[in-house]
Protein backbone atom coordinates (compact mmCIF):
# COMPACT_ATOMS: atom_id res chain seq x y z
CA UNK A 1 -65.52 -2.34 0.10
CA UNK A 2 -63.00 0.51 0.53
CA UNK A 3 -61.62 -1.24 3.60
CA UNK A 4 -61.07 -4.47 1.64
CA UNK A 5 -59.40 -2.54 -1.19
CA UNK A 6 -56.97 -0.90 1.23
CA UNK A 7 -56.14 -4.29 2.74
CA UNK A 8 -55.39 -5.73 -0.70
CA UNK A 9 -53.35 -2.65 -1.69
CA UNK A 10 -51.42 -2.79 1.60
CA UNK A 11 -50.69 -6.49 1.12
CA UNK A 12 -49.52 -5.85 -2.45
CA UNK A 13 -47.20 -3.06 -1.33
CA UNK A 14 -45.85 -5.21 1.50
CA UNK A 15 -45.24 -8.10 -0.90
CA UNK A 16 -43.41 -5.80 -3.32
CA UNK A 17 -41.21 -4.45 -0.51
CA UNK A 18 -40.39 -7.93 0.74
CA UNK A 19 -39.60 -9.09 -2.77
CA UNK A 20 -36.97 -6.35 -2.95
CA UNK A 21 -35.20 -7.92 0.04
CA UNK A 22 -34.55 -11.18 -1.74
CA UNK A 23 -31.30 -11.47 -3.63
CA UNK A 24 -29.85 -13.69 -6.27
CA UNK A 25 -26.65 -14.32 -4.29
CA UNK A 26 -24.48 -11.75 -6.05
CA UNK A 27 -24.37 -9.37 -3.11
CA UNK A 28 -24.12 -11.90 -0.30
CA UNK A 29 -23.93 -15.62 -0.43
CA UNK A 30 -23.27 -18.05 2.39
CA UNK A 31 -21.37 -20.22 -0.11
CA UNK A 32 -19.01 -17.43 -1.15
CA UNK A 33 -15.49 -18.64 -0.31
CA UNK A 34 -14.07 -15.10 -0.12
CA UNK A 35 -16.58 -14.00 2.51
CA UNK A 36 -14.57 -12.94 5.58
CA UNK A 37 -11.28 -12.83 3.68
CA UNK A 38 -10.37 -9.41 5.11
CA UNK A 39 -10.83 -10.75 8.63
CA UNK A 40 -8.65 -13.79 7.88
CA UNK A 41 -5.93 -11.58 6.37
CA UNK A 42 -5.95 -9.33 9.45
CA UNK A 43 -5.65 -12.30 11.79
CA UNK A 44 -2.81 -13.78 9.72
CA UNK A 45 -0.93 -10.48 9.81
CA UNK A 46 -0.99 -10.54 13.62
CA UNK A 47 0.64 -13.97 13.93
CA UNK A 48 4.37 -13.84 14.57
CA UNK A 49 6.74 -16.34 13.00
CA UNK A 50 8.02 -18.53 15.88
CA UNK A 51 11.22 -19.37 13.97
CA UNK A 52 12.17 -16.28 11.98
CA UNK A 53 14.93 -16.46 9.39
CA UNK A 54 16.96 -13.30 8.86
CA UNK A 55 19.03 -12.34 5.84
CA UNK A 56 21.78 -10.98 8.09
CA UNK A 57 23.22 -12.43 11.27
CA UNK A 58 21.81 -11.20 14.56
CA UNK A 59 24.35 -8.73 16.01
CA UNK A 60 26.14 -9.68 19.20
CA UNK A 61 24.99 -7.99 22.38
CA UNK A 62 27.02 -6.98 25.37
CA UNK A 63 25.57 -7.15 28.85
CA UNK A 64 28.44 -5.01 30.13
CA UNK A 65 27.65 -2.17 27.73
CA UNK A 66 23.97 -2.37 28.61
CA UNK A 67 24.77 -2.23 32.35
CA UNK A 68 26.99 0.82 31.80
CA UNK A 69 24.23 2.56 29.84
CA UNK A 70 21.69 1.86 32.60
CA UNK A 71 24.12 3.19 35.20
CA UNK A 72 24.68 6.41 33.22
CA UNK A 73 20.90 6.80 32.80
CA UNK A 74 20.28 6.45 36.53
CA UNK A 75 22.98 9.02 37.33
CA UNK A 76 21.70 11.47 34.72
CA UNK A 77 24.90 11.22 32.69
CA UNK A 78 23.42 9.99 29.43
CA UNK A 79 25.73 10.35 26.44
CA UNK A 80 23.85 12.55 23.97
CA UNK A 81 23.86 11.21 20.41
CA UNK A 82 25.26 13.28 17.56
CA UNK A 83 22.65 15.41 15.84
CA UNK A 84 22.03 14.13 12.33
CA UNK A 85 19.98 16.05 9.82
CA UNK A 86 17.99 14.13 7.25
CA UNK A 87 17.40 17.12 5.04
CA UNK A 88 18.89 20.50 4.37
CA UNK A 89 17.08 23.80 4.20
CA UNK A 90 18.31 26.52 1.88
CA UNK A 91 17.88 29.81 3.71
CA UNK A 92 19.40 31.90 0.92
CA UNK A 93 17.60 34.40 -1.24
CA UNK A 94 14.78 33.48 -3.55
CA UNK A 95 14.75 34.10 -7.26
CA UNK A 96 10.97 34.04 -7.43
CA UNK A 97 8.55 36.79 -6.58
CA UNK A 98 6.50 36.83 -3.46
CA UNK A 99 2.89 37.81 -3.30
CA UNK A 100 1.53 38.14 0.16
CA UNK A 101 -0.62 40.47 2.10
CA UNK A 102 1.47 40.95 5.18
CA UNK A 103 -1.60 40.67 7.36
CA UNK A 104 -1.99 38.34 10.30
CA UNK A 105 -2.43 34.65 9.72
CA UNK A 106 -5.17 32.56 11.25
CA UNK A 107 -2.77 31.78 14.12
CA UNK A 108 -2.34 35.46 14.90
CA UNK A 109 1.27 35.65 13.69
């Protein structure tokens, strides 16, 4: 008898576990139209427009200027661009107080 009882109890536990695997379709449904939407959006983002329309005209190019630039590059005579700063750093005094240990940092400085 104990063996039969354990078989019945095991079958009941197995049935309860399998019943937990069934869903009502809220979590995943094969009929859900939005299933795979992220994948479709990613694929659409990777497709280039074969006939792009720009707000501004495409600037003219000059083959002569490009050839001169390549020649300067090959000779090591590249014209260095002007240095442009995107921000300024105020290195003047500070009106606030400083609280610091003066010990070494984690980098050893």
